[in-house]
Amino acid sequence: MIRKILPLSKKYAVFGILSAFSIAAEVFIEVQIPFLLSKIINLGILGGDFEIVKSLGLKMVLMALLALLFGASASRFSALFGTGFGSECRFALFSKIQDLAFSNTDKFGTASLITRMTTDTNMLQGIAMMSVRILVRAPFMFIMAISYAVKINALLSGVFLFVAPFMAAAIMLIGKAAHPRFRRMFERYDKFNASIQENLIAIRVVKTFVRGDFEKEKFKESNEHLYNAAVFAEKLIILNGPIMTISMYFCIVAILFFGSRFIVGGTLEIGDLSAIISYVSQILMSLMMVSMMLVMSVMAKTSLSRVVAVLDEAPAIDDSGADETLTVKDGSVEMTDVCFKYNESAEKNVLDNINIKISAGESIGIIGGTGSAKSTLVQLIPRLYDITSGEILVGGKSVKEYTLKNLRDSVAMVLQNNLLFSGTIKENLLWGNSNASNEELEKACEAADALRFIKSFPDGFETDLSQGGVNVSGGQKQRLTIARALLKNPKILILDDSTSAVDTVTDRKITQALKKMTDTTKIIIAQRIASVTDADRIIVLEDGKINGIGTHSELLENNEIYKEIYISQKQGVH
């Protein structure tokens, strides 16, 4: 898994190398200081030579300042390396998500993807920042400190050899037991984020129904579950600190006990004992660093697997074998024996045995009850989902022969959920055509009956929209999204119940404007029959199957479902 994300650090590798060099220099200087201290004690203080104390003491101060400089440099370089890696990791995840099909993102869930791009990536960023320092400092300090300690007194410095196996076993046992606990903790993070996301999206509904107290209780429950999962995981990890500290103090006490005997016996000097204590402390400190790194790696292992799962996810829709030069020549659509289901393991198809032939420039209406798969049907045309079986032709070619870009560039969709982005009205409209002139903007808005209300705003096209377009009405939002689609000048225009929030007069104006687009195939999903009466043909869907196809008058004569909808709407029965 590490090899999957290792290339993400390439851009900032120079900072990692500089950090490693700075740490090596810092450790090299730090290890010299206890040796100098032993000389000061043995030759200067006990030997009564003040000149040695003064010269070696000054040298120690200079070395300490130099070590501080290298340490500060190492911290800066490792921070640049870690934050750079985190930035690349987030960008790689975001880029991958853009390439995934709806079925892929449905598999992970929005809340989980957000957690992976924030909490999980921050965890990996932290481990990257720490690893570049610890993985150099710990082994380098261990090797140098043990060599100096053995040089002074091999027998006494061997005390830590009795403690090291105990420390290693404790680290391994803690790490093995902690990993599943952290996995459960991050699953709780997903549910926690889902709870927040749902509340913020539906905040107006919550306030309208005065359900604030209910939402608070729901959040409290989700928050407590996350807290309990975090405590359950952390209370095992925190054992690492006391175990390492006890081991360290045990070593120091043992060295003092045996070292004092060596001093009394005349085989060890006081300065040497002081140096050995310092070196053994450095040795144990390096082991504590390794233990901390292993503990962090246990925490990061879960995050790593979650991030890599997204990066390794194969897009459900692949256009790698498509002809990049092939473009859609016209807006004709043909579906032959098309079946579709969202999950391969599902027993029943969402769409079953669909056979439709739509000529270029034709206007098609789609009517059906809730759950009849109207939206699903039109989403198959630009390959937002791939069909389970059958064939779909657009412009006389299979949709799989086009690249996704070329296919989707020829199709404009106004979705049921009309989404606008934060920014100006003009910036939102330019999603349809980034090179559109002001004249083209006005023409598209006029066709969507949006120009009048846009000009009523003091700033006109430069009016700022809040995220989601919450500072305009539902009908205004629908008309802006229709204008955005028209700016694309598509071969196929799909309106998925896109005039439900406008009045019948406005609906009629938009319908009349669309009729003038003779070169564009119009597919209009509607709940109101009045929105599709002028269509060349109307498709009646029932439970994912075609129940009837014909003109308004033909369906009134021979299609019971269409007739029932028409009568109920005409009489105002709901």
Protein backbone atom coordinates (compact mmCIF):
# COMPACT_ATOMS: atom_id res chain seq x y z
CA MET A 1 0.00 0.00 0.00
CA ILE A 2 2.85 2.39 0.80
CA ARG A 3 4.21 2.02 -2.73
CA LYS A 4 0.87 3.30 -4.02
CA ILE A 5 1.22 6.69 -2.32
CA LEU A 6 5.04 6.96 -2.30
CA PRO A 7 5.14 8.72 -5.71
CA LEU A 8 3.01 11.50 -4.20
CA SER A 9 6.04 12.60 -2.16
CA LYS A 10 8.35 12.89 -5.19
CA LYS A 11 7.72 16.60 -5.73
CA TYR A 12 8.78 17.41 -2.16
CA ALA A 13 11.49 14.75 -1.78
CA VAL A 14 14.25 17.39 -1.64
CA PHE A 15 12.82 18.69 1.66
CA GLY A 16 12.80 15.14 3.03
CA ILE A 17 16.46 14.70 2.06
CA LEU A 18 17.45 18.05 3.60
CA SER A 19 15.56 17.14 6.77
CA ALA A 20 17.33 13.77 6.98
CA PHE A 21 20.73 15.45 6.49
CA SER A 22 19.97 18.04 9.19
CA ILE A 23 18.83 15.35 11.63
CA ALA A 24 21.96 13.25 11.00
CA ALA A 25 24.14 16.30 11.69
CA GLU A 26 22.16 17.13 14.83
CA VAL A 27 22.46 13.58 16.20
CA PHE A 28 26.19 13.41 15.40
CA ILE A 29 26.76 16.59 17.47
CA GLU A 30 24.45 15.51 20.31
CA VAL A 31 26.28 12.22 20.76
CA GLN A 32 29.62 14.06 21.21
CA ILE A 33 28.34 16.15 24.13
CA PRO A 34 28.18 13.38 26.84
CA PHE A 35 31.71 12.30 25.87
CA LEU A 36 32.98 15.87 26.36
CA LEU A 37 31.09 16.07 29.65
CA SER A 38 32.89 12.96 30.93
CA LYS A 39 36.24 14.58 30.08
CA ILE A 40 35.25 17.76 31.95
CA ILE A 41 34.30 15.75 35.05
CA ASN A 42 37.28 13.36 34.99
CA LEU A 43 40.07 15.69 33.88
CA GLY A 44 38.76 19.14 34.74
CA ILE A 45 36.70 18.93 37.93
CA LEU A 46 38.23 15.84 39.57
CA GLY A 47 41.67 16.58 38.08
CA GLY A 48 41.57 20.22 39.16
CA ASP A 49 42.34 21.59 35.68
CA PHE A 50 40.13 24.66 35.15
CA GLU A 51 41.51 25.31 31.67
CA ILE A 52 40.05 21.99 30.47
CA VAL A 53 36.69 22.87 32.03
CA LYS A 54 36.71 26.26 30.30
CA SER A 55 37.82 25.07 26.85
CA LEU A 56 35.64 21.93 26.72
CA GLY A 57 32.70 23.79 28.28
CA LEU A 58 32.87 26.45 25.55
CA LYS A 59 33.08 23.72 22.96
CA MET A 60 29.95 22.06 24.43
CA VAL A 61 28.00 25.33 24.29
CA LEU A 62 28.95 25.88 20.64
CA MET A 63 28.03 22.29 19.78
CA ALA A 64 24.68 22.66 21.57
CA LEU A 65 23.91 25.83 19.57
CA LEU A 66 24.92 24.11 16.33
CA ALA A 67 22.71 21.10 17.20
CA LEU A 68 19.84 23.53 17.87
CA LEU A 69 20.34 25.10 14.43
CA PHE A 70 20.31 21.74 12.68
CA GLY A 71 17.29 20.64 14.76
CA ALA A 72 15.31 23.75 13.77
CA SER A 73 16.24 23.21 10.12
CA ALA A 74 15.15 19.58 10.32
CA SER A 75 11.78 20.61 11.77
CA ARG A 76 11.21 23.15 9.01
CA PHE A 77 12.21 20.80 6.19
CA SER A 78 10.15 17.90 7.56
CA ALA A 79 7.13 20.22 7.90
CA LEU A 80 7.52 21.29 4.26
CA PHE A 81 7.84 17.65 3.22
CA GLY A 82 4.82 16.49 5.24
CA THR A 83 2.46 19.32 4.24
CA GLY A 84 3.55 18.99 0.61
CA PHE A 85 2.83 15.27 0.67
CA GLY A 86 -0.55 15.92 2.29
CA SER A 87 -1.39 18.45 -0.42
CA GLU A 88 -0.49 15.99 -3.19
CA CYS A 89 -2.45 13.22 -1.46
CA ARG A 90 -5.60 15.35 -1.25
CA PHE A 91 -5.24 16.40 -4.89
CA ALA A 92 -4.75 12.78 -5.99
CA LEU A 93 -7.90 11.74 -4.12
CA PHE A 94 -9.94 14.63 -5.51
CA SER A 95 -8.71 13.93 -9.06
CA LYS A 96 -9.55 10.24 -8.67
CA ILE A 97 -13.06 11.05 -7.45
CA GLN A 98 -13.61 13.19 -10.56
CA ASP A 99 -12.77 10.16 -12.72
CA LEU A 100 -15.05 7.75 -10.86
CA ALA A 101 -18.53 6.88 -12.07
CA PHE A 102 -21.63 7.46 -9.96
CA SER A 103 -21.67 3.78 -9.02
CA ASN A 104 -18.14 4.10 -7.61
CA THR A 105 -18.92 7.15 -5.49
CA ASP A 106 -22.18 5.52 -4.36
CA LYS A 107 -20.10 2.60 -3.11
CA PHE A 108 -18.01 4.77 -0.77
CA GLY A 109 -20.60 7.40 0.14
CA THR A 110 -20.11 11.16 0.21
CA ALA A 111 -19.38 11.40 3.95
CA SER A 112 -16.75 8.66 3.77
CA LEU A 113 -15.00 10.34 0.82
CA ILE A 114 -14.89 13.62 2.76
CA THR A 115 -13.38 11.82 5.78
CA ARG A 116 -10.75 10.19 3.58
CA MET A 117 -9.76 13.55 2.06
CA THR A 118 -9.55 15.28 5.46
CA THR A 119 -9.06 13.14 8.58
CA ASP A 120 -7.33 10.21 6.87
CA THR A 121 -5.08 12.44 4.75
CA ASN A 122 -4.15 14.55 7.78
CA MET A 123 -3.17 11.37 9.57
CA LEU A 124 -0.90 10.35 6.67
CA GLN A 125 0.52 13.87 6.49
CA GLY A 126 1.44 13.68 10.18
CA ILE A 127 3.08 10.28 9.83
CA ALA A 128 5.05 11.50 6.79
CA MET A 129 6.28 14.51 8.75
CA MET A 130 7.31 12.38 11.73
CA SER A 131 8.74 9.44 9.80
CA VAL A 132 11.29 11.49 7.89
CA ARG A 133 12.69 12.62 11.25
CA ILE A 134 12.32 9.53 13.40
CA LEU A 135 13.44 6.99 10.81
CA VAL A 136 16.76 8.86 10.53
CA ARG A 137 17.20 10.02 14.12
CA ALA A 138 16.33 6.77 15.89
CA PRO A 139 18.67 4.31 14.13
CA PHE A 140 21.48 6.86 13.78
CA MET A 141 21.29 7.78 17.46
CA PHE A 142 21.00 4.14 18.47
CA ILE A 143 24.12 3.09 16.56
CA MET A 144 26.28 6.06 17.60
CA ALA A 145 25.18 6.08 21.26
CA ILE A 146 25.72 2.35 21.67
CA SER A 147 29.17 2.53 20.06
CA TYR A 148 30.26 5.32 22.46
CA ALA A 149 28.74 3.56 25.47
CA VAL A 150 30.49 0.27 24.64
CA LYS A 151 33.74 2.17 24.11
CA ILE A 152 33.53 3.55 27.65
CA ASN A 153 32.32 0.37 29.41
CA ALA A 154 30.92 -2.55 27.43
CA LEU A 155 29.69 -4.49 30.48
CA LEU A 156 27.72 -1.63 32.01
CA SER A 157 26.21 -0.43 28.74
CA GLY A 158 24.84 -3.93 28.13
CA VAL A 159 22.07 -3.33 30.71
CA PHE A 160 19.65 -2.11 28.06
CA LEU A 161 19.95 -5.47 26.22
CA PHE A 162 17.79 -7.00 28.95
CA VAL A 163 15.14 -4.32 28.55
CA ALA A 164 15.01 -4.04 24.75
CA PRO A 165 13.19 -7.40 24.13
CA PHE A 166 10.51 -6.45 26.66
CA MET A 167 9.99 -3.07 24.98
CA ALA A 168 9.81 -4.66 21.51
CA ALA A 169 7.26 -7.28 22.63
CA ALA A 170 5.08 -4.62 24.28
CA ILE A 171 5.11 -2.45 21.14
CA MET A 172 4.14 -5.38 18.90
CA LEU A 173 1.29 -6.53 21.15
CA ILE A 174 -0.14 -3.02 21.50
CA GLY A 175 0.10 -2.40 17.75
CA LYS A 176 -1.62 -5.67 16.85
CA ALA A 177 -4.51 -5.09 19.24
CA ALA A 178 -4.95 -1.39 18.39
CA HIS A 179 -5.36 -1.65 14.60
CA PRO A 180 -8.95 -3.01 14.52
CA ARG A 181 -9.95 -0.46 17.16
CA PHE A 182 -8.76 2.42 14.98
CA ARG A 183 -10.53 0.93 11.98
CA ARG A 184 -13.80 1.06 13.90
CA MET A 185 -13.01 4.62 15.02
CA PHE A 186 -12.67 5.83 11.41
CA GLU A 187 -15.93 4.10 10.49
CA ARG A 188 -17.52 6.17 13.25
CA TYR A 189 -15.93 9.27 11.68
CA ASP A 190 -17.76 8.43 8.43
CA LYS A 191 -21.11 8.22 10.23
CA PHE A 192 -20.33 11.38 12.19
CA ASN A 193 -19.58 13.34 9.00
CA ALA A 194 -22.70 11.90 7.34
CA SER A 195 -24.80 13.20 10.24
CA ILE A 196 -23.32 16.71 9.90
CA GLN A 197 -23.64 16.73 6.11
CA GLU A 198 -27.28 15.63 6.19
CA ASN A 199 -28.18 18.28 8.76
CA LEU A 200 -26.45 21.15 6.90
CA ILE A 201 -27.99 20.21 3.55
CA ALA A 202 -31.46 19.96 5.05
CA ILE A 203 -31.12 22.85 7.53
CA ARG A 204 -34.15 24.68 6.09
CA VAL A 205 -36.31 21.58 6.43
CA VAL A 206 -35.08 21.11 9.99
CA LYS A 207 -36.02 24.67 10.92
CA THR A 208 -39.33 24.54 9.03
CA PHE A 209 -40.45 21.44 10.95
CA VAL A 210 -38.91 22.72 14.21
CA ARG A 211 -36.80 19.58 14.53
CA GLY A 212 -33.72 21.30 15.95
CA ASP A 213 -33.94 19.45 19.29
CA PHE A 214 -34.32 16.11 17.51
CA GLU A 215 -31.26 16.85 15.34
CA LYS A 216 -29.28 17.86 18.43
CA GLU A 217 -30.07 14.54 20.07
CA LYS A 218 -29.14 12.67 16.88
CA PHE A 219 -25.86 14.57 16.66
CA LYS A 220 -25.19 13.98 20.36
CA GLU A 221 -25.63 10.24 19.86
CA SER A 222 -23.33 10.22 16.82
CA ASN A 223 -20.77 12.33 18.68
CA GLU A 224 -20.84 10.01 21.70
CA HIS A 225 -20.33 6.95 19.50
CA LEU A 226 -17.28 8.62 17.95
CA TYR A 227 -16.00 9.62 21.40
CA ASN A 228 -16.40 6.08 22.76
CA ALA A 229 -14.68 4.57 19.71
CA ALA A 230 -11.78 7.03 20.03
CA VAL A 231 -11.38 6.37 23.77
CA PHE A 232 -11.55 2.61 23.18
CA ALA A 233 -8.71 2.88 20.66
CA GLU A 234 -6.58 5.44 22.51
CA LYS A 235 -6.70 3.79 25.93
CA LEU A 236 -4.67 0.91 24.53
CA ILE A 237 -2.19 3.16 22.72
CA ILE A 238 -1.50 5.30 25.82
CA LEU A 239 -0.03 2.23 27.54
CA ASN A 240 2.97 2.69 25.28
CA GLY A 241 4.20 5.78 27.17
CA PRO A 242 4.25 4.29 30.69
CA ILE A 243 5.87 1.05 29.46
CA MET A 244 8.66 2.97 27.71
CA THR A 245 9.19 5.31 30.70
CA ILE A 246 9.34 2.44 33.20
CA SER A 247 11.85 0.64 30.99
CA MET A 248 14.01 3.75 30.74
CA TYR A 249 14.04 4.40 34.49
CA PHE A 250 14.75 0.74 35.19
CA CYS A 251 17.85 0.95 33.00
CA ILE A 252 19.07 4.12 34.68
CA VAL A 253 18.59 2.64 38.18
CA ALA A 254 20.40 -0.55 37.14
CA ILE A 255 23.31 1.44 35.67
CA LEU A 256 23.58 3.55 38.83
CA PHE A 257 23.53 0.42 40.98
CA PHE A 258 26.22 -1.49 39.07
CA GLY A 259 28.14 1.65 38.08
CA SER A 260 28.57 2.71 41.72
CA ARG A 261 30.12 -0.70 42.43
CA PHE A 262 32.56 -0.25 39.52
CA ILE A 263 33.52 3.21 40.81
CA VAL A 264 34.15 1.87 44.31
CA GLY A 265 36.20 -0.95 42.77
CA GLY A 266 38.24 1.59 40.81
CA THR A 267 37.32 0.25 37.36
CA LEU A 268 35.10 3.18 36.37
CA GLU A 269 35.35 6.95 36.75
CA ILE A 270 32.46 9.23 37.75
CA GLY A 271 32.56 11.11 34.44
CA ASP A 272 32.35 7.85 32.52
CA LEU A 273 29.29 6.79 34.55
CA SER A 274 27.64 10.12 33.74
CA ALA A 275 28.39 9.62 30.02
CA ILE A 276 27.07 6.04 30.02
CA ILE A 277 23.82 7.18 31.66
CA SER A 278 23.45 9.83 28.95
CA TYR A 279 24.19 7.33 26.19
CA VAL A 280 21.86 4.69 27.55
CA SER A 281 19.18 7.40 27.85
CA GLN A 282 19.80 8.27 24.19
CA ILE A 283 19.62 4.58 23.23
CA LEU A 284 16.34 4.12 25.07
CA MET A 285 15.06 7.41 23.70
CA SER A 286 15.72 6.17 20.18
CA LEU A 287 13.78 3.00 21.00
CA MET A 288 10.95 5.13 22.40
CA MET A 289 10.94 7.08 19.14
CA VAL A 290 10.63 3.82 17.23
CA SER A 291 7.80 2.73 19.51
CA MET A 292 6.02 6.05 18.98
CA MET A 293 6.50 5.64 15.24
CA LEU A 294 5.06 2.15 15.36
CA VAL A 295 2.09 3.37 17.38
CA MET A 296 1.47 6.15 14.85
CA SER A 297 1.83 3.67 12.02
CA VAL A 298 -0.92 1.55 13.58
CA MET A 299 -3.17 4.60 13.52
CA ALA A 300 -2.05 5.52 10.01
CA LYS A 301 -2.43 1.97 8.67
CA THR A 302 -6.20 2.31 8.75
CA SER A 303 -6.06 5.72 7.08
CA LEU A 304 -3.62 4.39 4.48
CA SER A 305 -5.88 1.48 3.56
CA ARG A 306 -8.88 3.83 3.24
CA VAL A 307 -7.01 6.30 1.02
CA VAL A 308 -5.48 3.57 -1.14
CA ALA A 309 -8.92 1.95 -1.53
CA VAL A 310 -10.09 5.11 -3.33
CA LEU A 311 -6.89 5.48 -5.39
CA ASP A 312 -7.09 1.81 -6.42
CA GLU A 313 -10.79 1.95 -7.27
CA ALA A 314 -11.23 1.15 -10.95
CA PRO A 315 -13.77 3.50 -12.58
CA ALA A 316 -16.91 1.55 -13.42
CA ILE A 317 -17.06 3.41 -16.74
CA ASP A 318 -13.88 3.17 -18.81
CA ASP A 319 -13.32 4.96 -22.10
CA SER A 320 -9.65 4.08 -22.57
CA GLY A 321 -10.41 2.10 -25.76
CA ALA A 322 -12.59 4.81 -27.31
CA ASP A 323 -11.70 6.77 -30.44
CA GLU A 324 -10.60 10.26 -29.33
CA THR A 325 -11.28 11.70 -32.79
CA LEU A 326 -14.88 10.44 -32.92
CA THR A 327 -17.47 13.14 -32.20
CA VAL A 328 -21.27 13.01 -32.09
CA LYS A 329 -22.56 14.01 -35.56
CA ASP A 330 -26.23 14.44 -34.60
CA GLY A 331 -28.67 14.03 -31.71
CA SER A 332 -30.26 10.74 -32.74
CA VAL A 333 -30.68 8.18 -29.94
CA GLU A 334 -31.48 4.50 -30.25
CA MET A 335 -31.91 2.03 -27.41
CA THR A 336 -32.14 -1.66 -28.22
CA ASP A 337 -33.16 -4.23 -25.58
CA VAL A 338 -31.64 -2.05 -22.86
CA CYS A 339 -31.70 -3.41 -19.32
CA PHE A 340 -30.15 -1.75 -16.28
CA LYS A 341 -29.74 -2.30 -12.56
CA TYR A 342 -27.61 -0.31 -10.13
CA ASN A 343 -26.17 -3.38 -8.46
CA GLU A 344 -25.11 -6.48 -10.38
CA SER A 345 -26.34 -8.67 -7.52
CA ALA A 346 -29.85 -7.17 -7.65
CA GLU A 347 -32.53 -9.64 -8.71
CA LYS A 348 -34.72 -7.14 -10.57
CA ASN A 349 -33.77 -4.68 -13.31
CA VAL A 350 -34.52 -1.00 -12.76
CA LEU A 351 -35.06 -0.67 -16.51
CA ASP A 352 -36.19 -3.67 -18.49
CA ASN A 353 -36.24 -4.31 -22.25
CA ILE A 354 -36.22 -0.66 -23.36
CA ASN A 355 -36.51 -0.15 -27.13
CA ILE A 356 -36.63 3.45 -28.35
CA LYS A 357 -35.60 5.18 -31.58
CA ILE A 358 -35.34 8.99 -31.46
CA SER A 359 -34.50 11.00 -34.56
CA ALA A 360 -32.17 14.01 -34.48
CA GLY A 361 -34.05 17.20 -33.61
CA GLU A 362 -37.08 15.32 -32.33
CA SER A 363 -38.84 16.43 -29.16
CA ILE A 364 -39.60 13.57 -26.76
CA GLY A 365 -41.61 13.77 -23.55
CA ILE A 366 -41.34 11.19 -20.76
CA ILE A 367 -44.20 10.70 -18.31
CA GLY A 368 -44.56 8.19 -15.50
CA GLY A 369 -45.25 7.76 -11.84
CA THR A 370 -42.70 8.17 -9.06
CA GLY A 371 -40.16 5.37 -9.21
CA SER A 372 -40.82 4.49 -12.83
CA ALA A 373 -37.09 5.09 -13.63
CA LYS A 374 -37.53 8.18 -15.81
CA SER A 375 -34.33 9.87 -14.53
CA THR A 376 -32.40 6.61 -14.73
CA LEU A 377 -33.35 6.21 -18.38
CA VAL A 378 -31.96 9.58 -19.49
CA GLN A 379 -28.77 9.21 -17.40
CA LEU A 380 -27.79 6.25 -19.57
CA ILE A 381 -27.48 8.47 -22.68
CA PRO A 382 -24.35 10.38 -21.54
CA ARG A 383 -23.05 7.22 -19.78
CA LEU A 384 -23.46 8.49 -16.26
CA TYR A 385 -24.21 4.81 -15.69
CA ASP A 386 -23.41 1.87 -17.97
CA ILE A 387 -26.21 -0.40 -19.09
CA THR A 388 -26.37 -3.98 -17.84
CA SER A 389 -27.28 -5.35 -21.28
CA GLY A 390 -28.44 -4.16 -24.67
CA GLU A 391 -27.07 -1.27 -26.72
CA ILE A 392 -27.37 2.51 -26.85
CA LEU A 393 -26.50 4.42 -30.01
CA VAL A 394 -26.01 8.20 -30.10
CA GLY A 395 -25.43 9.80 -33.49
CA GLY A 396 -25.50 6.32 -35.02
CA LYS A 397 -22.56 5.05 -32.91
CA SER A 398 -22.45 3.08 -29.68
CA VAL A 399 -21.93 5.36 -26.68
CA LYS A 400 -18.93 3.19 -25.77
CA GLU A 401 -17.14 4.19 -28.99
CA TYR A 402 -16.93 7.83 -27.85
CA THR A 403 -14.66 9.20 -25.17
CA LEU A 404 -16.67 10.37 -22.18
CA LYS A 405 -15.61 13.96 -22.90
CA ASN A 406 -16.76 13.92 -26.52
CA LEU A 407 -20.03 12.18 -25.66
CA ARG A 408 -20.91 14.38 -22.71
CA ASP A 409 -19.89 17.55 -24.55
CA SER A 410 -22.73 16.83 -26.98
CA VAL A 411 -25.31 16.27 -24.22
CA ALA A 412 -26.63 18.93 -21.83
CA MET A 413 -28.60 17.86 -18.78
CA VAL A 414 -30.70 19.93 -16.43
CA LEU A 415 -31.00 17.67 -13.43
CA GLN A 416 -33.93 17.25 -11.10
CA ASN A 417 -31.83 18.76 -8.33
CA ASN A 418 -30.95 22.17 -9.75
CA LEU A 419 -27.46 22.94 -8.49
CA LEU A 420 -25.73 26.30 -8.66
CA PHE A 421 -22.27 27.07 -7.35
CA SER A 422 -21.08 29.96 -5.22
CA GLY A 423 -20.02 32.84 -7.46
CA THR A 424 -21.77 35.24 -9.81
CA ILE A 425 -24.68 34.40 -12.11
CA LYS A 426 -22.36 34.89 -15.07
CA GLU A 427 -19.75 32.50 -13.66
CA ASN A 428 -22.44 29.84 -13.21
CA LEU A 429 -23.78 30.30 -16.73
CA LEU A 430 -20.29 30.06 -18.24
CA TRP A 431 -20.15 26.42 -17.11
CA GLY A 432 -22.20 25.80 -20.25
CA ASN A 433 -19.71 27.62 -22.49
CA SER A 434 -16.68 29.30 -20.96
CA ASN A 435 -16.14 31.37 -24.12
CA ALA A 436 -19.71 32.65 -24.45
CA SER A 437 -20.14 36.33 -25.29
CA ASN A 438 -22.50 38.65 -23.42
CA GLU A 439 -24.86 38.45 -26.39
CA GLU A 440 -24.94 34.64 -26.20
CA LEU A 441 -25.53 34.82 -22.43
CA GLU A 442 -28.51 37.10 -22.91
CA LYS A 443 -29.92 34.97 -25.73
CA ALA A 444 -29.75 31.77 -23.63
CA CYS A 445 -31.27 33.51 -20.62
CA GLU A 446 -34.06 34.93 -22.74
CA ALA A 447 -34.88 31.45 -24.07
CA ALA A 448 -35.01 30.18 -20.48
CA ASP A 449 -37.14 33.20 -19.47
CA ALA A 450 -34.42 34.21 -16.99
CA LEU A 451 -33.21 37.50 -18.53
CA ARG A 452 -36.00 39.58 -17.03
CA PHE A 453 -35.34 38.66 -13.39
CA ILE A 454 -31.54 38.77 -13.86
CA LYS A 455 -31.77 42.37 -15.07
CA SER A 456 -33.99 43.21 -12.10
CA PHE A 457 -31.03 42.58 -9.78
CA PRO A 458 -28.86 45.68 -9.15
CA ASP A 459 -25.71 43.85 -10.29
CA GLY A 460 -27.35 41.91 -13.12
CA PHE A 461 -25.14 39.06 -14.35
CA GLU A 462 -22.55 39.97 -11.69
CA THR A 463 -25.00 39.18 -8.87
CA ASP A 464 -23.37 36.89 -6.32
CA LEU A 465 -25.04 33.56 -5.64
CA SER A 466 -24.64 31.77 -2.34
CA GLN A 467 -23.55 28.13 -2.35
CA GLY A 468 -26.34 26.09 -3.91
CA GLY A 469 -28.06 29.26 -5.12
CA VAL A 470 -30.06 29.63 -1.90
CA ASN A 471 -30.53 33.39 -2.44
CA VAL A 472 -32.70 32.88 -5.51
CA SER A 473 -36.11 31.20 -5.71
CA GLY A 474 -36.64 27.62 -6.88
CA GLY A 475 -38.13 28.80 -10.18
CA GLN A 476 -35.27 31.26 -10.77
CA LYS A 477 -32.76 28.53 -10.03
CA GLN A 478 -34.41 26.22 -12.56
CA ARG A 479 -34.37 28.88 -15.26
CA LEU A 480 -30.68 29.64 -14.64
CA THR A 481 -29.76 25.96 -14.94
CA ILE A 482 -31.77 25.70 -18.18
CA ALA A 483 -29.94 28.77 -19.56
CA ARG A 484 -26.62 27.18 -18.57
CA ALA A 485 -27.55 24.04 -20.52
CA LEU A 486 -28.68 26.02 -23.58
CA LEU A 487 -25.33 27.85 -23.68
CA LYS A 488 -23.69 24.52 -24.33
CA ASN A 489 -25.47 24.38 -27.71
CA PRO A 490 -25.84 20.60 -27.33
CA LYS A 491 -26.87 17.94 -29.83
CA ILE A 492 -29.12 16.46 -27.12
CA LEU A 493 -30.86 18.48 -24.40
CA ILE A 494 -32.28 16.58 -21.43
CA LEU A 495 -34.62 18.37 -19.03
CA ASP A 496 -35.31 16.22 -15.98
CA ASP A 497 -38.46 17.72 -14.44
CA SER A 498 -36.71 21.08 -14.81
CA THR A 499 -39.77 23.33 -14.88
CA SER A 500 -41.60 21.95 -11.87
CA ALA A 501 -40.96 25.13 -9.85
CA VAL A 502 -42.14 27.60 -12.50
CA ASP A 503 -45.69 28.67 -13.28
CA THR A 504 -47.55 27.37 -16.32
CA VAL A 505 -47.08 30.64 -18.26
CA THR A 506 -43.28 30.51 -17.81
CA ASP A 507 -43.31 26.79 -18.57
CA ARG A 508 -45.09 27.56 -21.83
CA LYS A 509 -42.59 30.27 -22.77
CA ILE A 510 -39.67 27.88 -22.21
CA THR A 511 -41.41 25.15 -24.22
CA GLN A 512 -41.97 27.53 -27.14
CA ALA A 513 -38.32 28.61 -27.05
CA LEU A 514 -37.18 24.98 -27.13
CA LYS A 515 -39.34 24.29 -30.19
CA LYS A 516 -37.20 26.73 -32.16
CA MET A 517 -34.11 24.57 -31.51
CA THR A 518 -34.78 22.35 -34.51
CA ASP A 519 -31.27 20.84 -34.65
CA THR A 520 -31.29 19.78 -31.01
CA THR A 521 -32.96 16.61 -29.75
CA LYS A 522 -35.08 17.51 -26.71
CA ILE A 523 -35.92 14.91 -24.07
CA ILE A 524 -38.25 16.34 -21.43
CA ILE A 525 -39.16 14.50 -18.25
CA ALA A 526 -42.20 16.09 -16.64
CA GLN A 527 -44.83 15.54 -14.01
CA ARG A 528 -47.23 17.95 -15.74
CA ILE A 529 -48.68 16.70 -19.00
CA ALA A 530 -48.94 20.35 -20.12
CA SER A 531 -45.12 20.42 -20.32
CA VAL A 532 -45.01 17.66 -22.95
CA THR A 533 -48.22 18.03 -24.98
CA ASP A 534 -46.30 19.72 -27.81
CA ALA A 535 -43.68 16.95 -27.95
CA ASP A 536 -43.41 14.95 -31.17
CA ARG A 537 -43.83 11.78 -29.13
CA ILE A 538 -44.40 10.96 -25.47
CA ILE A 539 -43.02 7.87 -23.70
CA VAL A 540 -45.05 6.47 -20.81
CA LEU A 541 -42.94 4.54 -18.29
CA GLU A 542 -44.28 2.18 -15.66
CA ASP A 543 -42.06 0.24 -13.26
CA GLY A 544 -39.01 0.55 -15.53
CA LYS A 545 -40.82 -0.61 -18.67
CA ILE A 546 -42.28 1.26 -21.62
CA ASN A 547 -46.07 1.22 -21.29
CA GLY A 548 -46.77 3.31 -24.34
CA ILE A 549 -45.33 5.64 -26.99
CA GLY A 550 -47.26 8.15 -29.08
CA THR A 551 -48.46 11.70 -29.47
CA HIS A 552 -50.60 13.41 -26.87
CA SER A 553 -53.82 12.66 -28.74
CA GLU A 554 -52.84 9.04 -29.47
CA LEU A 555 -52.04 8.30 -25.85
CA LEU A 556 -55.28 9.89 -24.67
CA GLU A 557 -57.12 7.42 -26.87
CA ASN A 558 -55.29 4.18 -26.16
CA ASN A 559 -53.13 4.47 -23.01
CA GLU A 560 -54.92 4.12 -19.68
CA ILE A 561 -52.02 5.36 -17.54
CA TYR A 562 -51.59 8.54 -19.60
CA LYS A 563 -55.34 9.12 -19.68
CA GLU A 564 -55.56 8.71 -15.90
CA ILE A 565 -52.73 11.23 -15.33
CA TYR A 566 -54.30 13.70 -17.76
CA ILE A 567 -57.76 13.50 -16.17
CA SER A 568 -56.41 13.80 -12.61
CA GLN A 569 -54.37 16.91 -13.52
CA LYS A 570 -57.20 18.47 -15.50
CA GLN A 571 -59.61 18.03 -12.62
CA GLY A 572 -57.02 19.10 -10.03
CA VAL A 573 -57.11 15.69 -8.26
CA HIS A 574 -53.85 14.75 -6.54
